[in-house]
PDB file of N, CA and C in Angstrom:
ATOM      1  N   MET A   1      -2.817 -12.672  24.892  1.00  0.00           N
ATOM      2  CA  MET A   1      -2.792 -12.101  23.470  1.00  0.00           C
ATOM      3  C   MET A   1      -3.793 -13.035  22.419  1.00  0.00           C
ATOM      4  N   GLY A   2      -4.555 -12.412  21.869  1.00  0.00           N
ATOM      5  CA  GLY A   2      -5.411 -13.326  21.184  1.00  0.00           C
ATOM      6  C   GLY A   2      -4.778 -13.916  19.809  1.00  0.00           C
ATOM      7  N   LEU A   3      -5.241 -14.780  19.273  1.00  0.00           N
ATOM      8  CA  LEU A   3      -5.021 -15.586  18.163  1.00  0.00           C
ATOM      9  C   LEU A   3      -4.811 -14.788  16.519  1.00  0.00           C
ATOM     10  N   ILE A   4      -5.564 -13.532  16.485  1.00  0.00           N
ATOM     11  CA  ILE A   4      -5.090 -12.817  15.682  1.00  0.00           C
ATOM     12  C   ILE A   4      -4.072 -11.740  15.605  1.00  0.00           C
ATOM     13  N   ALA A   5      -4.015 -11.330  17.014  1.00  0.00           N
ATOM     14  CA  ALA A   5      -2.782 -10.846  17.220  1.00  0.00           C
ATOM     15  C   ALA A   5      -1.419 -11.407  16.856  1.00  0.00           C
ATOM     16  N   ARG A   6      -1.372 -12.813  17.873  1.00  0.00           N
ATOM     17  CA  ARG A   6      -0.452 -13.490  17.775  1.00  0.00           C
ATOM     18  C   ARG A   6       0.026 -13.976  15.834  1.00  0.00           C
ATOM     19  N   VAL A   7      -0.771 -14.185  15.190  1.00  0.00           N
ATOM     20  CA  VAL A   7      -0.683 -14.447  13.764  1.00  0.00           C
ATOM     21  C   VAL A   7       0.110 -13.275  13.086  1.00  0.00           C
ATOM     22  N   ARG A   8      -0.690 -12.081  13.271  1.00  0.00           N
ATOM     23  CA  ARG A   8      -0.094 -10.811  12.559  1.00  0.00           C
ATOM     24  C   ARG A   8       1.262 -10.689  13.317  1.00  0.00           C
ATOM     25  N   LYS A   9       1.566 -10.805  14.326  1.00  0.00           N
ATOM     26  CA  LYS A   9       2.986 -10.702  14.909  1.00  0.00           C
ATOM     27  C   LYS A   9       4.071 -11.753  14.388  1.00  0.00           C
ATOM     28  N   GLU A  10       3.735 -12.729  13.911  1.00  0.00           N
ATOM     29  CA  GLU A  10       4.424 -14.142  13.802  1.00  0.00           C
ATOM     30  C   GLU A  10       4.026 -14.355  12.453  1.00  0.00           C
ATOM     31  N   TRP A  11       3.738 -13.430  11.290  1.00  0.00           N
ATOM     32  CA  TRP A  11       3.406 -13.810  10.037  1.00  0.00           C
ATOM     33  C   TRP A  11       4.582 -14.469   9.071  1.00  0.00           C
ATOM     34  N   PHE A  12       5.446 -13.878   9.662  1.00  0.00           N
ATOM     35  CA  PHE A  12       6.667 -14.637   8.746  1.00  0.00           C
ATOM     36  C   PHE A  12       7.204 -15.970   8.863  1.00  0.00           C
ATOM     37  N   ILE A  13       7.291 -16.165  10.283  1.00  0.00           N
ATOM     38  CA  ILE A  13       7.395 -17.719  10.726  1.00  0.00           C
ATOM     39  C   ILE A  13       6.348 -18.594  10.237  1.00  0.00           C
ATOM     40  N   ILE A  14       5.350 -18.163  10.519  1.00  0.00           N
ATOM     41  CA  ILE A  14       4.191 -18.988   9.783  1.00  0.00           C
ATOM     42  C   ILE A  14       4.029 -19.193   8.258  1.00  0.00           C
ATOM     43  N   GLY A  15       4.561 -18.241   7.998  1.00  0.00           N
ATOM     44  CA  GLY A  15       4.583 -17.886   6.189  1.00  0.00           C
ATOM     45  C   GLY A  15       5.806 -19.159   5.621  1.00  0.00           C
ATOM     46  N   ILE A  16       6.819 -19.122   6.660  1.00  0.00           N
ATOM     47  CA  ILE A  16       7.639 -20.188   6.090  1.00  0.00           C
ATOM     48  C   ILE A  16       7.849 -21.410   6.792  1.00  0.00           C
ATOM     49  N   VAL A  17       6.976 -22.031   7.477  1.00  0.00           N
ATOM     50  CA  VAL A  17       6.568 -23.299   7.929  1.00  0.00           C
ATOM     51  C   VAL A  17       5.413 -23.690   6.858  1.00  0.00           C
ATOM     52  N   LEU A  18       4.733 -22.746   6.450  1.00  0.00           N
ATOM     53  CA  LEU A  18       3.649 -23.398   5.542  1.00  0.00           C
ATOM     54  C   LEU A  18       4.163 -23.702   4.179  1.00  0.00           C
ATOM     55  N   VAL A  19       5.351 -22.589   3.705  1.00  0.00           N
ATOM     56  CA  VAL A  19       5.919 -23.141   2.405  1.00  0.00           C
ATOM     57  C   VAL A  19       6.780 -24.398   2.464  1.00  0.00           C
ATOM     58  N   ILE A  20       7.391 -24.432   3.625  1.00  0.00           N
ATOM     59  CA  ILE A  20       8.052 -25.850   3.856  1.00  0.00           C
ATOM     60  C   ILE A  20       7.505 -27.088   4.047  1.00  0.00           C
ATOM     61  N   THR A  21       5.858 -26.565   4.554  1.00  0.00           N
ATOM     62  CA  THR A  21       5.022 -27.800   4.374  1.00  0.00           C
ATOM     63  C   THR A  21       4.961 -28.319   3.110  1.00  0.00           C
ATOM     64  N   CYS A  22       4.491 -27.284   2.482  1.00  0.00           N
ATOM     65  CA  CYS A  22       3.794 -27.475   1.234  1.00  0.00           C
ATOM     66  C   CYS A  22       4.925 -27.979   0.125  1.00  0.00           C
ATOM     67  N   ALA A  23       6.158 -27.707   0.523  1.00  0.00           N
ATOM     68  CA  ALA A  23       7.426 -28.020  -0.435  1.00  0.00           C
ATOM     69  C   ALA A  23       7.801 -29.729   0.068  1.00  0.00           C
ATOM     70  N   LYS A  24       7.161 -30.160   1.319  1.00  0.00           N
ATOM     71  CA  LYS A  24       7.627 -31.391   1.828  1.00  0.00           C
ATOM     72  C   LYS A  24       6.248 -32.541   0.835  1.00  0.00           C
ATOM     73  N   LEU A  25       5.324 -31.814   1.062  1.00  0.00           N
ATOM     74  CA  LEU A  25       4.041 -32.378   0.747  1.00  0.00           C
ATOM     75  C   LEU A  25       4.068 -32.606  -1.245  1.00  0.00           C
ATOM     76  N   ALA A  26       4.556 -31.603  -1.443  1.00  0.00           N
ATOM     77  CA  ALA A  26       4.376 -31.910  -3.113  1.00  0.00           C
ATOM     78  C   ALA A  26       5.856 -31.521  -3.921  1.00  0.00           C
ATOM     79  N   PRO A  27       6.817 -32.127  -3.434  1.00  0.00           N
ATOM     80  CA  PRO A  27       8.237 -31.473  -3.838  1.00  0.00           C
ATOM     81  C   PRO A  27       8.325 -31.783  -5.741  1.00  0.00           C
ATOM     82  N   SER A  28       7.245 -32.054  -6.081  1.00  0.00           N
ATOM     83  CA  SER A  28       7.493 -32.175  -7.508  1.00  0.00           C
ATOM     84  C   SER A  28       7.064 -31.183  -8.116  1.00  0.00           C
ATOM     85  N   VAL A  29       6.662 -29.872  -7.449  1.00  0.00           N
ATOM     86  CA  VAL A  29       6.435 -28.893  -7.988  1.00  0.00           C
ATOM     87  C   VAL A  29       7.592 -28.141  -8.409  1.00  0.00           C
ATOM     88  N   GLY A  30       8.735 -28.391  -7.522  1.00  0.00           N
ATOM     89  CA  GLY A  30       9.852 -27.602  -7.580  1.00  0.00           C
ATOM     90  C   GLY A  30      10.934 -28.200  -8.178  1.00  0.00           C
ATOM     91  N   VAL A  31      10.771 -29.544  -8.841  1.00  0.00           N
ATOM     92  CA  VAL A  31      12.246 -30.319  -9.239  1.00  0.00           C
ATOM     93  C   VAL A  31      12.380 -29.807 -10.721  1.00  0.00           C
ATOM     94  N   LYS A  32      13.686 -30.057 -10.911  1.00  0.00           N
ATOM     95  CA  LYS A  32      14.121 -29.559 -12.255  1.00  0.00           C
ATOM     96  C   LYS A  32      13.181 -30.052 -13.484  1.00  0.00           C
ATOM     97  N   GLY A  33      12.646 -29.158 -14.115  1.00  0.00           N
ATOM     98  CA  GLY A  33      12.082 -29.432 -15.216  1.00  0.00           C
ATOM     99  C   GLY A  33      10.190 -29.548 -14.772  1.00  0.00           C
ATOM    100  N   GLY A  34      10.016 -29.085 -13.513  1.00  0.00           N
ATOM    101  CA  GLY A  34       8.591 -29.100 -13.283  1.00  0.00           C
ATOM    102  C   GLY A  34       7.796 -28.143 -13.558  1.00  0.00           C
ATOM    103  N   PRO A  35       6.552 -27.903 -13.220  1.00  0.00           N
ATOM    104  CA  PRO A  35       5.825 -26.720 -13.186  1.00  0.00           C
ATOM    105  C   PRO A  35       6.566 -25.169 -12.821  1.00  0.00           C
ATOM    106  N   LEU A  36       7.499 -25.060 -12.075  1.00  0.00           N
ATOM    107  CA  LEU A  36       7.996 -23.835 -11.580  1.00  0.00           C
ATOM    108  C   LEU A  36       9.199 -23.421 -12.639  1.00  0.00           C
ATOM    109  N   ARG A  37       9.635 -24.457 -13.313  1.00  0.00           N
ATOM    110  CA  ARG A  37      10.611 -24.435 -13.915  1.00  0.00           C
ATOM    111  C   ARG A  37      11.957 -23.973 -13.082  1.00  0.00           C
ATOM    112  N   PRO A  38      12.430 -24.251 -12.108  1.00  0.00           N
ATOM    113  CA  PRO A  38      13.372 -23.385 -11.209  1.00  0.00           C
ATOM    114  C   PRO A  38      14.833 -22.994 -11.935  1.00  0.00           C
ATOM    115  N   GLU A  39      15.086 -23.943 -12.921  1.00  0.00           N
ATOM    116  CA  GLU A  39      16.181 -23.466 -13.720  1.00  0.00           C
ATOM    117  C   GLU A  39      16.064 -21.998 -14.393  1.00  0.00           C
ATOM    118  N   ILE A  40      14.777 -21.490 -14.605  1.00  0.00           N
ATOM    119  CA  ILE A  40      14.418 -20.268 -15.476  1.00  0.00           C
ATOM    120  C   ILE A  40      14.253 -19.572 -14.444  1.00  0.00           C
ATOM    121  N   THR A  41      13.138 -19.776 -13.739  1.00  0.00           N
ATOM    122  CA  THR A  41      12.837 -19.006 -12.511  1.00  0.00           C
ATOM    123  C   THR A  41      13.627 -18.210 -11.669  1.00  0.00           C
ATOM    124  N   ILE A  42      14.603 -19.313 -10.978  1.00  0.00           N
ATOM    125  CA  ILE A  42      15.697 -18.748  -9.936  1.00  0.00           C
ATOM    126  C   ILE A  42      16.961 -17.810 -10.793  1.00  0.00           C
ATOM    127  N   THR A  43      16.806 -18.450 -11.985  1.00  0.00           N
ATOM    128  CA  THR A  43      18.125 -17.327 -12.739  1.00  0.00           C
ATOM    129  C   THR A  43      17.667 -16.314 -13.117  1.00  0.00           C
ATOM    130  N   TYR A  44      16.537 -16.088 -13.810  1.00  0.00           N
ATOM    131  CA  TYR A  44      16.315 -14.841 -14.340  1.00  0.00           C
ATOM    132  C   TYR A  44      15.351 -13.975 -13.324  1.00  0.00           C
ATOM    133  N   VAL A  45      14.157 -14.529 -13.246  1.00  0.00           N
ATOM    134  CA  VAL A  45      12.981 -13.927 -12.385  1.00  0.00           C
ATOM    135  C   VAL A  45      13.246 -13.889 -11.088  1.00  0.00           C
ATOM    136  N   ALA A  46      14.179 -14.386  -9.905  1.00  0.00           N
ATOM    137  CA  ALA A  46      14.304 -14.314  -8.581  1.00  0.00           C
ATOM    138  C   ALA A  46      15.145 -13.376  -8.498  1.00  0.00           C
ATOM    139  N   VAL A  47      16.077 -13.466  -9.321  1.00  0.00           N
ATOM    140  CA  VAL A  47      17.457 -12.381  -9.337  1.00  0.00           C
ATOM    141  C   VAL A  47      16.948 -10.996  -9.703  1.00  0.00           C
ATOM    142  N   SER A  48      16.181 -11.053 -10.683  1.00  0.00           N
ATOM    143  CA  SER A  48      15.311  -9.539 -11.145  1.00  0.00           C
ATOM    144  C   SER A  48      14.606  -8.875 -10.348  1.00  0.00           C
ATOM    145  N   VAL A  49      14.241  -9.756  -9.395  1.00  0.00           N
ATOM    146  CA  VAL A  49      13.058  -9.042  -8.443  1.00  0.00           C
ATOM    147  C   VAL A  49      13.775  -8.845  -7.324  1.00  0.00           C
ATOM    148  N   ILE A  50      14.725  -9.665  -6.905  1.00  0.00           N
ATOM    149  CA  ILE A  50      15.926  -9.090  -6.011  1.00  0.00           C
ATOM    150  C   ILE A  50      16.232  -7.772  -6.320  1.00  0.00           C
ATOM    151  N   PHE A  51      16.701  -7.276  -7.513  1.00  0.00           N
ATOM    152  CA  PHE A  51      17.486  -6.330  -7.709  1.00  0.00           C
ATOM    153  C   PHE A  51      16.467  -5.431  -8.175  1.00  0.00           C
ATOM    154  N   PHE A  52      15.396  -5.581  -8.314  1.00  0.00           N
ATOM    155  CA  PHE A  52      14.289  -4.454  -8.509  1.00  0.00           C
ATOM    156  C   PHE A  52      13.770  -4.175  -6.961  1.00  0.00           C
ATOM    157  N   ASN A  53      13.473  -4.883  -6.248  1.00  0.00           N
ATOM    158  CA  ASN A  53      13.228  -4.546  -4.743  1.00  0.00           C
ATOM    159  C   ASN A  53      14.298  -3.803  -3.936  1.00  0.00           C
ATOM    160  N   SER A  54      15.631  -4.217  -4.471  1.00  0.00           N
ATOM    161  CA  SER A  54      16.672  -3.322  -3.747  1.00  0.00           C
ATOM    162  C   SER A  54      16.520  -1.908  -4.292  1.00  0.00           C
ATOM    163  N   GLY A  55      16.447  -1.823  -5.452  1.00  0.00           N
ATOM    164  CA  GLY A  55      16.220  -0.311  -6.154  1.00  0.00           C
ATOM    165  C   GLY A  55      15.295   0.334  -5.421  1.00  0.00           C
ATOM    166  N   LEU A  56      14.156  -0.021  -5.186  1.00  0.00           N
ATOM    167  CA  LEU A  56      13.182   0.501  -4.849  1.00  0.00           C
ATOM    168  C   LEU A  56      13.333   1.151  -3.388  1.00  0.00           C
ATOM    169  N   SER A  57      14.204   0.609  -2.538  1.00  0.00           N
ATOM    170  CA  SER A  57      14.608   0.678  -1.255  1.00  0.00           C
ATOM    171  C   SER A  57      15.627   1.566  -1.260  1.00  0.00           C
ATOM    172  N   LEU A  58      15.873   2.216  -2.457  1.00  0.00           N
ATOM    173  CA  LEU A  58      17.211   3.182  -2.246  1.00  0.00           C
ATOM    174  C   LEU A  58      16.762   4.529  -1.792  1.00  0.00           C
ATOM    175  N   LYS A  59      17.241   5.349  -1.089  1.00  0.00           N
ATOM    176  CA  LYS A  59      16.855   6.369  -0.705  1.00  0.00           C
ATOM    177  C   LYS A  59      17.290   7.589  -2.229  1.00  0.00           C
ATOM    178  N   THR A  60      16.261   8.630  -2.383  1.00  0.00           N
ATOM    179  CA  THR A  60      16.080   9.276  -3.466  1.00  0.00           C
ATOM    180  C   THR A  60      16.895  10.754  -3.172  1.00  0.00           C
ATOM    181  N   GLU A  61      17.790  11.407  -3.972  1.00  0.00           N
ATOM    182  CA  GLU A  61      17.900  12.706  -3.230  1.00  0.00           C
ATOM    183  C   GLU A  61      17.144  13.783  -3.996  1.00  0.00           C
ATOM    184  N   VAL A  62      16.882  14.695  -3.636  1.00  0.00           N
ATOM    185  CA  VAL A  62      16.006  16.106  -4.493  1.00  0.00           C
ATOM    186  C   VAL A  62      16.711  17.138  -4.214  1.00  0.00           C
TER     187      VAL A  62
END
């Protein structure tokens, strides 16, 4: 199995490892009051995106 095929197959795990590594290297980005403003981002934006994505996956009846 080639490298490209392996990356395509394991893209989610690779992404998780990259995000965890970035968080370890620059934790100040996600702290309370930091540039991402997690107290606002998680409370409103993340919850809204989750519900929107869930709504898009509902089957419609015609």
